[in-house]
Amino acid sequence: MKYLEVESGGYLIRLDKGEEVIEQLTSFAREKKITAGIFNGIGGIVNSSIGNYSVVLGQYITKTYKNMLEVGHCSGNISVQEDSDDIHVHAHLTAANEQDGVVVGHLFGAIVEVTMEFYLKSFKVRLVRKMDPETEYRIWHF
């Protein structure tokens, strides 16, 4: 990973071939002590685990994509889990390839195939995720 700090709490981040996307973003947020942020990215990934949440089942239905996916848009946020300092990276993406067509969903993990290029904006607050009893999902708590 390489990065460049830019104006107003922003970072340009480049992930390189072989790096794991969620692990790298989590590690970066820990290193920089980012407890609230948003990011956007593009690039190429392989061995990705992508899911969609089933309200009926109360869980994600995930699929692994071995082939390279061209990521047209990856966006997400950084927060911390309730009652801890554990960094939580929440990412979604839209990607495609010839074998799988268009893939959209929650990104659980992926390996960079060529590069992933991100803009990350951090905020000087602590954004906390707490369990919401109605949805039974961890959501932002203000």
Protein backbone atom coordinates (compact mmCIF):
# COMPACT_ATOMS: atom_id res chain seq x y z
CA MET A 1 0.00 0.00 0.00
CA LYS A 2 1.09 3.51 -0.79
CA TYR A 3 -0.70 6.69 0.25
CA LEU A 4 -0.53 10.43 -0.02
CA GLU A 5 -2.14 12.74 2.52
CA VAL A 6 -4.11 15.53 0.86
CA GLU A 7 -6.08 18.54 2.12
CA SER A 8 -8.67 18.48 4.91
CA GLY A 9 -8.18 14.98 6.28
CA GLY A 10 -8.12 13.23 2.94
CA TYR A 11 -5.88 10.45 1.63
CA LEU A 12 -5.16 9.02 -1.79
CA ILE A 13 -4.48 5.31 -1.29
CA ARG A 14 -3.12 2.78 -3.78
CA LEU A 15 -3.37 -0.91 -3.03
CA ASP A 16 -1.11 -3.20 -5.03
CA LYS A 17 -1.46 -6.67 -6.53
CA GLY A 18 -1.78 -9.36 -3.87
CA GLU A 19 -3.00 -7.09 -1.06
CA GLU A 20 -6.32 -7.84 0.66
CA VAL A 21 -8.66 -4.86 0.33
CA ILE A 22 -10.60 -4.90 3.62
CA GLU A 23 -7.52 -5.83 5.67
CA GLN A 24 -5.49 -2.99 4.16
CA LEU A 25 -8.20 -0.36 4.66
CA THR A 26 -8.71 -1.54 8.25
CA SER A 27 -4.98 -1.48 8.96
CA PHE A 28 -4.68 2.01 7.46
CA ALA A 29 -7.57 3.33 9.58
CA ARG A 30 -6.00 1.85 12.72
CA GLU A 31 -2.59 3.31 11.91
CA LYS A 32 -4.02 6.77 11.28
CA LYS A 33 -6.49 6.49 14.20
CA ILE A 34 -9.45 7.11 11.89
CA THR A 35 -12.71 6.40 13.73
CA ALA A 36 -14.98 7.98 11.12
CA GLY A 37 -14.52 8.21 7.38
CA ILE A 38 -15.86 7.59 3.90
CA PHE A 39 -14.09 6.25 0.82
CA ASN A 40 -14.49 5.62 -2.91
CA GLY A 41 -12.36 3.45 -5.16
CA ILE A 42 -11.83 1.74 -8.49
CA GLY A 43 -9.62 -1.10 -9.71
CA GLY A 44 -9.41 -4.84 -10.24
CA ILE A 45 -9.87 -7.72 -7.78
CA VAL A 46 -9.84 -11.52 -7.66
CA ASN A 47 -10.97 -14.11 -5.11
CA SER A 48 -13.65 -11.75 -3.89
CA SER A 49 -16.40 -12.56 -1.43
CA ILE A 50 -19.50 -10.46 -2.12
CA GLY A 51 -22.87 -10.72 -0.46
CA ASN A 52 -26.38 -9.40 -0.32
CA TYR A 53 -28.34 -9.23 2.92
CA SER A 54 -31.52 -11.28 3.15
CA VAL A 55 -34.00 -9.64 5.51
CA VAL A 56 -36.07 -12.83 5.52
CA LEU A 57 -33.12 -15.02 6.59
CA GLY A 58 -31.43 -12.33 8.69
CA GLN A 59 -28.06 -13.03 7.10
CA TYR A 60 -25.90 -12.35 4.08
CA ILE A 61 -26.02 -14.65 1.07
CA THR A 62 -22.44 -14.59 -0.19
CA LYS A 63 -20.69 -15.79 -3.31
CA THR A 64 -16.99 -16.08 -4.11
CA TYR A 65 -15.75 -14.82 -7.47
CA LYS A 66 -12.40 -16.37 -8.43
CA ASN A 67 -12.01 -14.50 -11.73
CA MET A 68 -10.95 -10.88 -11.96
CA LEU A 69 -13.71 -8.33 -11.47
CA GLU A 70 -13.26 -4.84 -12.85
CA VAL A 71 -14.43 -2.57 -10.03
CA GLY A 72 -16.33 0.39 -11.46
CA HIS A 73 -17.24 1.70 -8.04
CA CYS A 74 -16.38 0.72 -4.48
CA SER A 75 -17.66 2.91 -1.69
CA GLY A 76 -17.97 2.62 2.02
CA ASN A 77 -17.34 4.00 5.44
CA ILE A 78 -15.22 3.56 8.53
CA SER A 79 -16.62 3.45 12.05
CA VAL A 80 -15.98 1.68 15.34
CA GLN A 81 -17.96 -1.12 16.96
CA GLU A 82 -20.06 -0.43 20.04
CA ASP A 83 -18.13 -0.71 23.33
CA SER A 84 -14.75 -1.13 21.63
CA ASP A 85 -12.08 0.55 19.59
CA ASP A 86 -12.36 -2.10 16.88
CA ILE A 87 -12.34 -0.48 13.43
CA HIS A 88 -15.18 -1.51 11.12
CA VAL A 89 -14.78 -1.05 7.35
CA HIS A 90 -18.15 -1.28 5.58
CA ALA A 91 -17.75 -1.53 1.81
CA HIS A 92 -20.05 -2.09 -1.16
CA LEU A 93 -19.11 -2.40 -4.79
CA THR A 94 -20.29 -2.62 -8.35
CA ALA A 95 -18.03 -4.71 -10.57
CA ALA A 96 -18.17 -6.86 -13.69
CA ASN A 97 -16.43 -9.35 -15.91
CA GLU A 98 -17.36 -11.45 -18.95
CA GLN A 99 -17.94 -14.66 -16.95
CA ASP A 100 -20.07 -13.31 -14.08
CA GLY A 101 -21.68 -10.20 -15.56
CA VAL A 102 -22.40 -7.33 -13.19
CA VAL A 103 -21.92 -8.00 -9.48
CA VAL A 104 -23.26 -5.66 -6.80
CA GLY A 105 -23.15 -6.10 -3.05
CA HIS A 106 -21.36 -5.95 0.28
CA LEU A 107 -17.63 -6.60 -0.05
CA PHE A 108 -16.43 -9.06 2.60
CA GLY A 109 -12.98 -9.49 1.11
CA ALA A 110 -10.95 -9.48 -2.10
CA ILE A 111 -7.40 -9.65 -3.34
CA VAL A 112 -6.12 -6.83 -5.54
CA GLU A 113 -5.33 -8.15 -9.02
CA VAL A 114 -3.92 -5.04 -10.69
CA THR A 115 -4.46 -2.10 -8.38
CA MET A 116 -7.17 -0.47 -6.29
CA GLU A 117 -7.15 3.32 -6.03
CA PHE A 118 -9.08 5.01 -3.23
CA TYR A 119 -9.89 8.45 -1.95
CA LEU A 120 -10.53 8.32 1.79
CA LYS A 121 -11.90 11.27 3.76
CA SER A 122 -11.54 11.11 7.54
CA PHE A 123 -13.55 13.04 10.10
CA LYS A 124 -12.54 14.20 13.57
CA VAL A 125 -15.39 12.39 15.34
CA ARG A 126 -15.98 8.88 16.64
CA LEU A 127 -18.68 7.16 14.57
CA VAL A 128 -20.13 4.20 16.47
CA ARG A 129 -22.09 1.20 15.18
CA LYS A 130 -24.65 -0.20 17.61
CA MET A 131 -27.08 -3.06 17.32
CA ASP A 132 -30.51 -1.84 16.26
CA PRO A 133 -33.19 -4.02 17.90
CA GLU A 134 -35.67 -3.45 15.08
CA THR A 135 -33.44 -4.47 12.18
CA GLU A 136 -31.05 -6.66 14.21
CA TYR A 137 -28.22 -5.00 12.32
CA ARG A 138 -25.34 -2.81 13.52
CA ILE A 139 -26.06 0.73 12.29
CA TRP A 140 -24.64 4.20 12.91
CA HIS A 141 -25.61 5.60 16.28
CA PHE A 142 -25.72 9.36 16.83
